[in-house]
């Protein structure tokens, strides 16, 4: 009998993978790049959820708040990071 991973365990693994890919070090969960990548992952999940649950207005509101927060974080990153090419490469990798 194969054991399925719980949704929480899957989220934890996905977050660890994102932190490893975009973080400055192993436990970097606070840098703007990691936060933007995590928000993008949640936005993609909520977008898929809303495609199959069109009347879920609570999730829609959460999605809109998350998109706004990500947009502000991207503006902050562009304003504060001295290496503009790194930021552009990062945003291109995320598809933004």
PDB file of N, CA and C in Angstrom:
ATOM      1  N   UNK A   1       0.845  -1.177   0.000  1.00  0.00           N
ATOM      2  CA  UNK A   1       0.000   0.000   0.000  1.00  0.00           C
ATOM      3  C   UNK A   1       0.890   1.239   0.000  1.00  0.00           C
ATOM      4  N   UNK A   2       0.798   2.016  -1.031  1.00  0.00           N
ATOM      5  CA  UNK A   2       1.626   3.223  -1.148  1.00  0.00           C
ATOM      6  C   UNK A   2       1.056   4.330  -0.274  1.00  0.00           C
ATOM      7  N   UNK A   3       1.939   4.983   0.451  1.00  0.00           N
ATOM      8  CA  UNK A   3       1.468   6.076   1.303  1.00  0.00           C
ATOM      9  C   UNK A   3       1.529   7.379   0.519  1.00  0.00           C
ATOM     10  N   UNK A   4       0.447   8.115   0.592  1.00  0.00           N
ATOM     11  CA  UNK A   4       0.399   9.408  -0.086  1.00  0.00           C
ATOM     12  C   UNK A   4       0.923  10.478   0.847  1.00  0.00           C
ATOM     13  N   UNK A   5       1.613  11.437   0.292  1.00  0.00           N
ATOM     14  CA  UNK A   5       2.057  12.566   1.100  1.00  0.00           C
ATOM     15  C   UNK A   5       0.866  13.479   1.334  1.00  0.00           C
ATOM     16  N   UNK A   6       0.801  14.026   2.521  1.00  0.00           N
ATOM     17  CA  UNK A   6      -0.271  14.972   2.791  1.00  0.00           C
ATOM     18  C   UNK A   6      -0.010  16.265   2.025  1.00  0.00           C
ATOM     19  N   UNK A   7      -1.033  17.066   1.893  1.00  0.00           N
ATOM     20  CA  UNK A   7      -0.891  18.355   1.192  1.00  0.00           C
ATOM     21  C   UNK A   7       0.143  19.222   1.889  1.00  0.00           C
ATOM     22  N   UNK A   8       0.168  19.184   3.228  1.00  0.00           N
ATOM     23  CA  UNK A   8       1.136  19.969   3.994  1.00  0.00           C
ATOM     24  C   UNK A   8       2.559  19.531   3.666  1.00  0.00           C
ATOM     25  N   UNK A   9       2.792  18.233   3.593  1.00  0.00           N
ATOM     26  CA  UNK A   9       4.134  17.728   3.286  1.00  0.00           C
ATOM     27  C   UNK A   9       4.543  18.125   1.868  1.00  0.00           C
ATOM     28  N   UNK A  10       3.591  18.093   0.935  1.00  0.00           N
ATOM     29  CA  UNK A  10       3.896  18.507  -0.432  1.00  0.00           C
ATOM     30  C   UNK A  10       4.259  19.984  -0.475  1.00  0.00           C
ATOM     31  N   UNK A  11       3.485  20.813   0.252  1.00  0.00           N
ATOM     32  CA  UNK A  11       3.777  22.247   0.298  1.00  0.00           C
ATOM     33  C   UNK A  11       5.143  22.500   0.905  1.00  0.00           C
ATOM     34  N   UNK A  12       5.455  21.767   1.957  1.00  0.00           N
ATOM     35  CA  UNK A  12       6.738  21.939   2.635  1.00  0.00           C
ATOM     36  C   UNK A  12       7.891  21.590   1.693  1.00  0.00           C
ATOM     37  N   UNK A  13       7.731  20.509   0.949  1.00  0.00           N
ATOM     38  CA  UNK A  13       8.760  20.114  -0.018  1.00  0.00           C
ATOM     39  C   UNK A  13       8.896  21.145  -1.135  1.00  0.00           C
ATOM     40  N   UNK A  14       7.766  21.648  -1.613  1.00  0.00           N
ATOM     41  CA  UNK A  14       7.797  22.645  -2.684  1.00  0.00           C
ATOM     42  C   UNK A  14       8.461  23.931  -2.206  1.00  0.00           C
ATOM     43  N   UNK A  15       8.157  24.344  -0.983  1.00  0.00           N
ATOM     44  CA  UNK A  15       8.772  25.557  -0.435  1.00  0.00           C
ATOM     45  C   UNK A  15      10.273  25.373  -0.273  1.00  0.00           C
ATOM     46  N   UNK A  16      10.678  24.212   0.217  1.00  0.00           N
ATOM     47  CA  UNK A  16      12.108  23.951   0.395  1.00  0.00           C
ATOM     48  C   UNK A  16      12.834  23.991  -0.949  1.00  0.00           C
ATOM     49  N   UNK A  17      12.196  23.467  -1.977  1.00  0.00           N
ATOM     50  CA  UNK A  17      12.792  23.477  -3.312  1.00  0.00           C
ATOM     51  C   UNK A  17      12.945  24.912  -3.826  1.00  0.00           C
ATOM     52  N   UNK A  18      11.934  25.737  -3.610  1.00  0.00           N
ATOM     53  CA  UNK A  18      11.985  27.137  -4.056  1.00  0.00           C
ATOM     54  C   UNK A  18      13.055  27.900  -3.298  1.00  0.00           C
ATOM     55  N   UNK A  19      13.128  27.684  -1.979  1.00  0.00           N
ATOM     56  CA  UNK A  19      14.143  28.367  -1.169  1.00  0.00           C
ATOM     57  C   UNK A  19      15.535  27.963  -1.625  1.00  0.00           C
ATOM     58  N   UNK A  20      15.708  26.678  -1.927  1.00  0.00           N
ATOM     59  CA  UNK A  20      17.019  26.199  -2.381  1.00  0.00           C
ATOM     60  C   UNK A  20      17.391  26.813  -3.732  1.00  0.00           C
ATOM     61  N   UNK A  21      16.398  26.968  -4.603  1.00  0.00           N
ATOM     62  CA  UNK A  21      16.672  27.483  -5.948  1.00  0.00           C
ATOM     63  C   UNK A  21      16.934  28.988  -5.961  1.00  0.00           C
ATOM     64  N   UNK A  22      16.156  29.758  -5.192  1.00  0.00           N
ATOM     65  CA  UNK A  22      16.235  31.212  -5.285  1.00  0.00           C
ATOM     66  C   UNK A  22      16.881  31.880  -4.082  1.00  0.00           C
ATOM     67  N   UNK A  23      17.108  31.131  -3.007  1.00  0.00           N
ATOM     68  CA  UNK A  23      17.652  31.734  -1.797  1.00  0.00           C
ATOM     69  C   UNK A  23      19.141  31.983  -1.868  1.00  0.00           C
ATOM     70  N   UNK A  24      19.586  32.876  -1.001  1.00  0.00           N
ATOM     71  CA  UNK A  24      21.012  33.179  -0.928  1.00  0.00           C
ATOM     72  C   UNK A  24      21.767  32.096  -0.171  1.00  0.00           C
ATOM     73  N   UNK A  25      21.066  31.424   0.750  1.00  0.00           N
ATOM     74  CA  UNK A  25      21.634  30.298   1.477  1.00  0.00           C
ATOM     75  C   UNK A  25      20.515  29.317   1.784  1.00  0.00           C
ATOM     76  N   UNK A  26      20.832  28.232   2.440  1.00  0.00           N
ATOM     77  CA  UNK A  26      19.903  27.123   2.647  1.00  0.00           C
ATOM     78  C   UNK A  26      18.616  27.511   3.379  1.00  0.00           C
ATOM     79  N   UNK A  27      18.723  28.358   4.391  1.00  0.00           N
ATOM     80  CA  UNK A  27      17.556  28.714   5.204  1.00  0.00           C
ATOM     81  C   UNK A  27      17.028  30.108   4.896  1.00  0.00           C
ATOM     82  N   UNK A  28      17.307  30.613   3.727  1.00  0.00           N
ATOM     83  CA  UNK A  28      16.898  31.969   3.359  1.00  0.00           C
ATOM     84  C   UNK A  28      15.433  31.968   2.941  1.00  0.00           C
ATOM     85  N   UNK A  29      14.558  32.378   3.853  1.00  0.00           N
ATOM     86  CA  UNK A  29      13.142  32.448   3.513  1.00  0.00           C
ATOM     87  C   UNK A  29      12.643  33.879   3.490  1.00  0.00           C
ATOM     88  N   UNK A  30      13.517  34.840   3.742  1.00  0.00           N
ATOM     89  CA  UNK A  30      13.071  36.215   3.869  1.00  0.00           C
ATOM     90  C   UNK A  30      13.526  37.151   2.778  1.00  0.00           C
ATOM     91  N   UNK A  31      14.440  36.733   1.920  1.00  0.00           N
ATOM     92  CA  UNK A  31      14.904  37.650   0.880  1.00  0.00           C
ATOM     93  C   UNK A  31      13.770  37.890  -0.120  1.00  0.00           C
ATOM     94  N   UNK A  32      13.747  39.060  -0.738  1.00  0.00           N
ATOM     95  CA  UNK A  32      12.656  39.389  -1.657  1.00  0.00           C
ATOM     96  C   UNK A  32      12.490  38.383  -2.797  1.00  0.00           C
ATOM     97  N   UNK A  33      13.595  37.865  -3.315  1.00  0.00           N
ATOM     98  CA  UNK A  33      13.484  36.910  -4.421  1.00  0.00           C
ATOM     99  C   UNK A  33      12.761  35.633  -3.989  1.00  0.00           C
ATOM    100  N   UNK A  34      13.068  35.148  -2.805  1.00  0.00           N
ATOM    101  CA  UNK A  34      12.404  33.939  -2.312  1.00  0.00           C
ATOM    102  C   UNK A  34      10.931  34.226  -2.058  1.00  0.00           C
ATOM    103  N   UNK A  35      10.639  35.368  -1.453  1.00  0.00           N
ATOM    104  CA  UNK A  35       9.246  35.711  -1.172  1.00  0.00           C
ATOM    105  C   UNK A  35       8.438  35.837  -2.459  1.00  0.00           C
ATOM    106  N   UNK A  36       9.015  36.453  -3.476  1.00  0.00           N
ATOM    107  CA  UNK A  36       8.315  36.600  -4.755  1.00  0.00           C
ATOM    108  C   UNK A  36       8.084  35.232  -5.390  1.00  0.00           C
ATOM    109  N   UNK A  37       9.080  34.361  -5.331  1.00  0.00           N
ATOM    110  CA  UNK A  37       8.938  33.017  -5.905  1.00  0.00           C
ATOM    111  C   UNK A  37       7.856  32.222  -5.171  1.00  0.00           C
ATOM    112  N   UNK A  38       7.809  32.331  -3.842  1.00  0.00           N
ATOM    113  CA  UNK A  38       6.782  31.630  -3.072  1.00  0.00           C
ATOM    114  C   UNK A  38       5.392  32.190  -3.378  1.00  0.00           C
ATOM    115  N   UNK A  39       5.296  33.511  -3.498  1.00  0.00           N
ATOM    116  CA  UNK A  39       4.004  34.117  -3.848  1.00  0.00           C
ATOM    117  C   UNK A  39       3.556  33.660  -5.228  1.00  0.00           C
ATOM    118  N   UNK A  40       4.484  33.572  -6.161  1.00  0.00           N
ATOM    119  CA  UNK A  40       4.153  33.130  -7.514  1.00  0.00           C
ATOM    120  C   UNK A  40       3.623  31.705  -7.495  1.00  0.00           C
ATOM    121  N   UNK A  41       4.229  30.864  -6.690  1.00  0.00           N
ATOM    122  CA  UNK A  41       3.763  29.476  -6.572  1.00  0.00           C
ATOM    123  C   UNK A  41       2.331  29.434  -6.033  1.00  0.00           C
ATOM    124  N   UNK A  42       2.056  30.229  -4.997  1.00  0.00           N
ATOM    125  CA  UNK A  42       0.700  30.275  -4.432  1.00  0.00           C
ATOM    126  C   UNK A  42      -0.295  30.865  -5.425  1.00  0.00           C
ATOM    127  N   UNK A  43       0.122  31.879  -6.171  1.00  0.00           N
ATOM    128  CA  UNK A  43      -0.754  32.493  -7.172  1.00  0.00           C
ATOM    129  C   UNK A  43      -1.106  31.475  -8.254  1.00  0.00           C
ATOM    130  N   UNK A  44      -0.133  30.707  -8.699  1.00  0.00           N
ATOM    131  CA  UNK A  44      -0.399  29.677  -9.711  1.00  0.00           C
ATOM    132  C   UNK A  44      -1.371  28.630  -9.182  1.00  0.00           C
ATOM    133  N   UNK A  45      -1.192  28.225  -7.921  1.00  0.00           N
ATOM    134  CA  UNK A  45      -2.096  27.239  -7.319  1.00  0.00           C
ATOM    135  C   UNK A  45      -3.514  27.795  -7.242  1.00  0.00           C
ATOM    136  N   UNK A  46      -3.651  29.038  -6.750  1.00  0.00           N
ATOM    137  CA  UNK A  46      -4.983  29.629  -6.619  1.00  0.00           C
ATOM    138  C   UNK A  46      -5.634  29.849  -7.981  1.00  0.00           C
ATOM    139  N   UNK A  47      -4.857  30.184  -8.981  1.00  0.00           N
ATOM    140  CA  UNK A  47      -5.411  30.367 -10.327  1.00  0.00           C
ATOM    141  C   UNK A  47      -6.004  29.059 -10.839  1.00  0.00           C
ATOM    142  N   UNK A  48      -5.287  27.971 -10.652  1.00  0.00           N
ATOM    143  CA  UNK A  48      -5.806  26.662 -11.056  1.00  0.00           C
ATOM    144  C   UNK A  48      -7.058  26.305 -10.263  1.00  0.00           C
ATOM    145  N   UNK A  49      -7.045  26.607  -8.971  1.00  0.00           N
ATOM    146  CA  UNK A  49      -8.196  26.328  -8.111  1.00  0.00           C
ATOM    147  C   UNK A  49      -9.425  27.096  -8.604  1.00  0.00           C
ATOM    148  N   UNK A  50      -9.231  28.357  -8.973  1.00  0.00           N
ATOM    149  CA  UNK A  50     -10.363  29.182  -9.394  1.00  0.00           C
ATOM    150  C   UNK A  50     -10.886  28.799 -10.776  1.00  0.00           C
ATOM    151  N   UNK A  51     -10.073  28.136 -11.582  1.00  0.00           N
ATOM    152  CA  UNK A  51     -10.563  27.671 -12.879  1.00  0.00           C
ATOM    153  C   UNK A  51     -11.629  26.600 -12.699  1.00  0.00           C
ATOM    154  N   UNK A  52     -11.469  25.774 -11.666  1.00  0.00           N
ATOM    155  CA  UNK A  52     -12.447  24.715 -11.432  1.00  0.00           C
ATOM    156  C   UNK A  52     -13.505  25.107 -10.402  1.00  0.00           C
ATOM    157  N   UNK A  53     -13.288  26.186  -9.660  1.00  0.00           N
ATOM    158  CA  UNK A  53     -14.245  26.653  -8.647  1.00  0.00           C
ATOM    159  C   UNK A  53     -14.531  28.131  -8.893  1.00  0.00           C
ATOM    160  N   UNK A  54     -15.300  28.400  -9.934  1.00  0.00           N
ATOM    161  CA  UNK A  54     -15.500  29.773 -10.393  1.00  0.00           C
ATOM    162  C   UNK A  54     -16.212  30.664  -9.382  1.00  0.00           C
ATOM    163  N   UNK A  55     -17.006  30.096  -8.514  1.00  0.00           N
ATOM    164  CA  UNK A  55     -17.782  30.909  -7.572  1.00  0.00           C
ATOM    165  C   UNK A  55     -17.110  31.084  -6.216  1.00  0.00           C
ATOM    166  N   UNK A  56     -15.895  30.640  -6.081  1.00  0.00           N
ATOM    167  CA  UNK A  56     -15.173  30.748  -4.810  1.00  0.00           C
ATOM    168  C   UNK A  56     -14.599  32.159  -4.671  1.00  0.00           C
ATOM    169  N   UNK A  57     -15.454  33.078  -4.222  1.00  0.00           N
ATOM    170  CA  UNK A  57     -15.053  34.481  -4.159  1.00  0.00           C
ATOM    171  C   UNK A  57     -14.075  34.765  -3.032  1.00  0.00           C
ATOM    172  N   UNK A  58     -14.084  33.984  -1.981  1.00  0.00           N
ATOM    173  CA  UNK A  58     -13.116  34.182  -0.900  1.00  0.00           C
ATOM    174  C   UNK A  58     -11.694  33.910  -1.398  1.00  0.00           C
ATOM    175  N   UNK A  59     -11.534  32.850  -2.145  1.00  0.00           N
ATOM    176  CA  UNK A  59     -10.210  32.555  -2.706  1.00  0.00           C
ATOM    177  C   UNK A  59      -9.818  33.578  -3.760  1.00  0.00           C
ATOM    178  N   UNK A  60     -10.800  34.070  -4.508  1.00  0.00           N
ATOM    179  CA  UNK A  60     -10.520  35.088  -5.523  1.00  0.00           C
ATOM    180  C   UNK A  60      -9.977  36.354  -4.868  1.00  0.00           C
ATOM    181  N   UNK A  61     -10.575  36.745  -3.751  1.00  0.00           N
ATOM    182  CA  UNK A  61     -10.106  37.934  -3.038  1.00  0.00           C
ATOM    183  C   UNK A  61      -8.683  37.711  -2.517  1.00  0.00           C
ATOM    184  N   UNK A  62      -8.430  36.526  -1.975  1.00  0.00           N
ATOM    185  CA  UNK A  62      -7.083  36.203  -1.509  1.00  0.00           C
ATOM    186  C   UNK A  62      -6.069  36.242  -2.642  1.00  0.00           C
ATOM    187  N   UNK A  63      -6.479  35.758  -3.814  1.00  0.00           N
ATOM    188  CA  UNK A  63      -5.600  35.788  -4.984  1.00  0.00           C
ATOM    189  C   UNK A  63      -5.267  37.225  -5.374  1.00  0.00           C
ATOM    190  N   UNK A  64      -6.262  38.090  -5.382  1.00  0.00           N
ATOM    191  CA  UNK A  64      -6.029  39.486  -5.761  1.00  0.00           C
ATOM    192  C   UNK A  64      -5.115  40.187  -4.762  1.00  0.00           C
ATOM    193  N   UNK A  65      -5.288  39.892  -3.476  1.00  0.00           N
ATOM    194  CA  UNK A  65      -4.405  40.476  -2.467  1.00  0.00           C
ATOM    195  C   UNK A  65      -2.975  39.988  -2.658  1.00  0.00           C
ATOM    196  N   UNK A  66      -2.831  38.711  -2.968  1.00  0.00           N
ATOM    197  CA  UNK A  66      -1.510  38.119  -3.167  1.00  0.00           C
ATOM    198  C   UNK A  66      -0.820  38.702  -4.403  1.00  0.00           C
ATOM    199  N   UNK A  67      -1.579  38.920  -5.468  1.00  0.00           N
ATOM    200  CA  UNK A  67      -1.012  39.519  -6.684  1.00  0.00           C
ATOM    201  C   UNK A  67      -0.528  40.935  -6.390  1.00  0.00           C
ATOM    202  N   UNK A  68      -1.308  41.691  -5.622  1.00  0.00           N
ATOM    203  CA  UNK A  68      -0.895  43.046  -5.257  1.00  0.00           C
ATOM    204  C   UNK A  68       0.352  43.054  -4.396  1.00  0.00           C
ATOM    205  N   UNK A  69       0.420  42.134  -3.451  1.00  0.00           N
ATOM    206  CA  UNK A  69       1.597  42.046  -2.581  1.00  0.00           C
ATOM    207  C   UNK A  69       2.835  41.677  -3.388  1.00  0.00           C
ATOM    208  N   UNK A  70       2.673  40.758  -4.342  1.00  0.00           N
ATOM    209  CA  UNK A  70       3.813  40.376  -5.181  1.00  0.00           C
ATOM    210  C   UNK A  70       4.262  41.546  -6.050  1.00  0.00           C
ATOM    211  N   UNK A  71       3.306  42.292  -6.586  1.00  0.00           N
ATOM    212  CA  UNK A  71       3.650  43.445  -7.423  1.00  0.00           C
ATOM    213  C   UNK A  71       4.452  44.476  -6.629  1.00  0.00           C
ATOM    214  N   UNK A  72       4.035  44.731  -5.380  1.00  0.00           N
ATOM    215  CA  UNK A  72       4.772  45.672  -4.536  1.00  0.00           C
ATOM    216  C   UNK A  72       6.163  45.143  -4.208  1.00  0.00           C
ATOM    217  N   UNK A  73       6.278  43.841  -3.963  1.00  0.00           N
ATOM    218  CA  UNK A  73       7.572  43.247  -3.649  1.00  0.00           C
ATOM    219  C   UNK A  73       8.509  43.319  -4.858  1.00  0.00           C
ATOM    220  N   UNK A  74       7.973  43.123  -6.063  1.00  0.00           N
ATOM    221  CA  UNK A  74       8.794  43.228  -7.276  1.00  0.00           C
ATOM    222  C   UNK A  74       9.292  44.661  -7.447  1.00  0.00           C
ATOM    223  N   UNK A  75       8.420  45.639  -7.212  1.00  0.00           N
ATOM    224  CA  UNK A  75       8.849  47.044  -7.303  1.00  0.00           C
ATOM    225  C   UNK A  75       9.953  47.330  -6.297  1.00  0.00           C
ATOM    226  N   UNK A  76       9.799  46.798  -5.085  1.00  0.00           N
ATOM    227  CA  UNK A  76      10.821  46.993  -4.053  1.00  0.00           C
ATOM    228  C   UNK A  76      12.145  46.380  -4.495  1.00  0.00           C
ATOM    229  N   UNK A  77      12.091  45.173  -5.029  1.00  0.00           N
ATOM    230  CA  UNK A  77      13.308  44.489  -5.478  1.00  0.00           C
ATOM    231  C   UNK A  77      13.993  45.275  -6.591  1.00  0.00           C
ATOM    232  N   UNK A  78      13.225  45.763  -7.541  1.00  0.00           N
ATOM    233  CA  UNK A  78      13.808  46.531  -8.643  1.00  0.00           C
ATOM    234  C   UNK A  78      14.420  47.835  -8.144  1.00  0.00           C
ATOM    235  N   UNK A  79      13.816  48.429  -7.128  1.00  0.00           N
ATOM    236  CA  UNK A  79      14.300  49.701  -6.604  1.00  0.00           C
ATOM    237  C   UNK A  79      15.563  49.532  -5.772  1.00  0.00           C
ATOM    238  N   UNK A  80      15.676  48.436  -5.025  1.00  0.00           N
ATOM    239  CA  UNK A  80      16.768  48.298  -4.061  1.00  0.00           C
ATOM    240  C   UNK A  80      17.938  47.452  -4.542  1.00  0.00           C
ATOM    241  N   UNK A  81      17.720  46.518  -5.456  1.00  0.00           N
ATOM    242  CA  UNK A  81      18.804  45.637  -5.894  1.00  0.00           C
ATOM    243  C   UNK A  81      19.697  46.370  -6.886  1.00  0.00           C
ATOM    244  N   UNK A  82      20.987  46.349  -6.626  1.00  0.00           N
ATOM    245  CA  UNK A  82      21.935  47.084  -7.474  1.00  0.00           C
ATOM    246  C   UNK A  82      22.222  46.362  -8.790  1.00  0.00           C
ATOM    247  N   UNK A  83      21.985  45.059  -8.839  1.00  0.00           N
ATOM    248  CA  UNK A  83      22.265  44.272 -10.042  1.00  0.00           C
ATOM    249  C   UNK A  83      20.971  44.082 -10.845  1.00  0.00           C
ATOM    250  N   UNK A  84      20.697  45.003 -11.762  1.00  0.00           N
ATOM    251  CA  UNK A  84      19.448  44.985 -12.526  1.00  0.00           C
ATOM    252  C   UNK A  84      19.349  43.754 -13.424  1.00  0.00           C
ATOM    253  N   UNK A  85      20.469  43.288 -13.957  1.00  0.00           N
ATOM    254  CA  UNK A  85      20.417  42.123 -14.847  1.00  0.00           C
ATOM    255  C   UNK A  85      20.012  40.864 -14.079  1.00  0.00           C
ATOM    256  N   UNK A  86      20.445  40.764 -12.823  1.00  0.00           N
ATOM    257  CA  UNK A  86      20.066  39.617 -11.992  1.00  0.00           C
ATOM    258  C   UNK A  86      18.563  39.623 -11.739  1.00  0.00           C
ATOM    259  N   UNK A  87      18.012  40.802 -11.476  1.00  0.00           N
ATOM    260  CA  UNK A  87      16.575  40.923 -11.225  1.00  0.00           C
ATOM    261  C   UNK A  87      15.793  40.555 -12.481  1.00  0.00           C
ATOM    262  N   UNK A  88      16.222  41.057 -13.637  1.00  0.00           N
ATOM    263  CA  UNK A  88      15.538  40.749 -14.894  1.00  0.00           C
ATOM    264  C   UNK A  88      15.587  39.253 -15.196  1.00  0.00           C
ATOM    265  N   UNK A  89      16.729  38.633 -14.954  1.00  0.00           N
ATOM    266  CA  UNK A  89      16.880  37.195 -15.179  1.00  0.00           C
ATOM    267  C   UNK A  89      15.951  36.407 -14.249  1.00  0.00           C
ATOM    268  N   UNK A  90      15.869  36.860 -12.993  1.00  0.00           N
ATOM    269  CA  UNK A  90      15.004  36.221 -12.005  1.00  0.00           C
ATOM    270  C   UNK A  90      13.536  36.317 -12.425  1.00  0.00           C
ATOM    271  N   UNK A  91      13.104  37.509 -12.819  1.00  0.00           N
ATOM    272  CA  UNK A  91      11.708  37.705 -13.216  1.00  0.00           C
ATOM    273  C   UNK A  91      11.382  36.912 -14.482  1.00  0.00           C
ATOM    274  N   UNK A  92      12.336  36.829 -15.387  1.00  0.00           N
ATOM    275  CA  UNK A  92      12.133  36.049 -16.609  1.00  0.00           C
ATOM    276  C   UNK A  92      11.987  34.562 -16.274  1.00  0.00           C
ATOM    277  N   UNK A  93      12.777  34.096 -15.314  1.00  0.00           N
ATOM    278  CA  UNK A  93      12.719  32.692 -14.900  1.00  0.00           C
ATOM    279  C   UNK A  93      11.354  32.346 -14.306  1.00  0.00           C
ATOM    280  N   UNK A  94      10.752  33.325 -13.602  1.00  0.00           N
ATOM    281  CA  UNK A  94       9.426  33.111 -13.018  1.00  0.00           C
ATOM    282  C   UNK A  94       8.305  33.321 -14.032  1.00  0.00           C
ATOM    283  N   UNK A  95       8.631  33.937 -15.157  1.00  0.00           N
ATOM    284  CA  UNK A  95       7.610  34.205 -16.159  1.00  0.00           C
ATOM    285  C   UNK A  95       6.841  35.478 -15.892  1.00  0.00           C
ATOM    286  N   UNK A  96       7.482  36.430 -15.227  1.00  0.00           N
ATOM    287  CA  UNK A  96       6.825  37.714 -14.928  1.00  0.00           C
ATOM    288  C   UNK A  96       7.329  38.804 -15.844  1.00  0.00           C
TER     289      UNK A  96
END
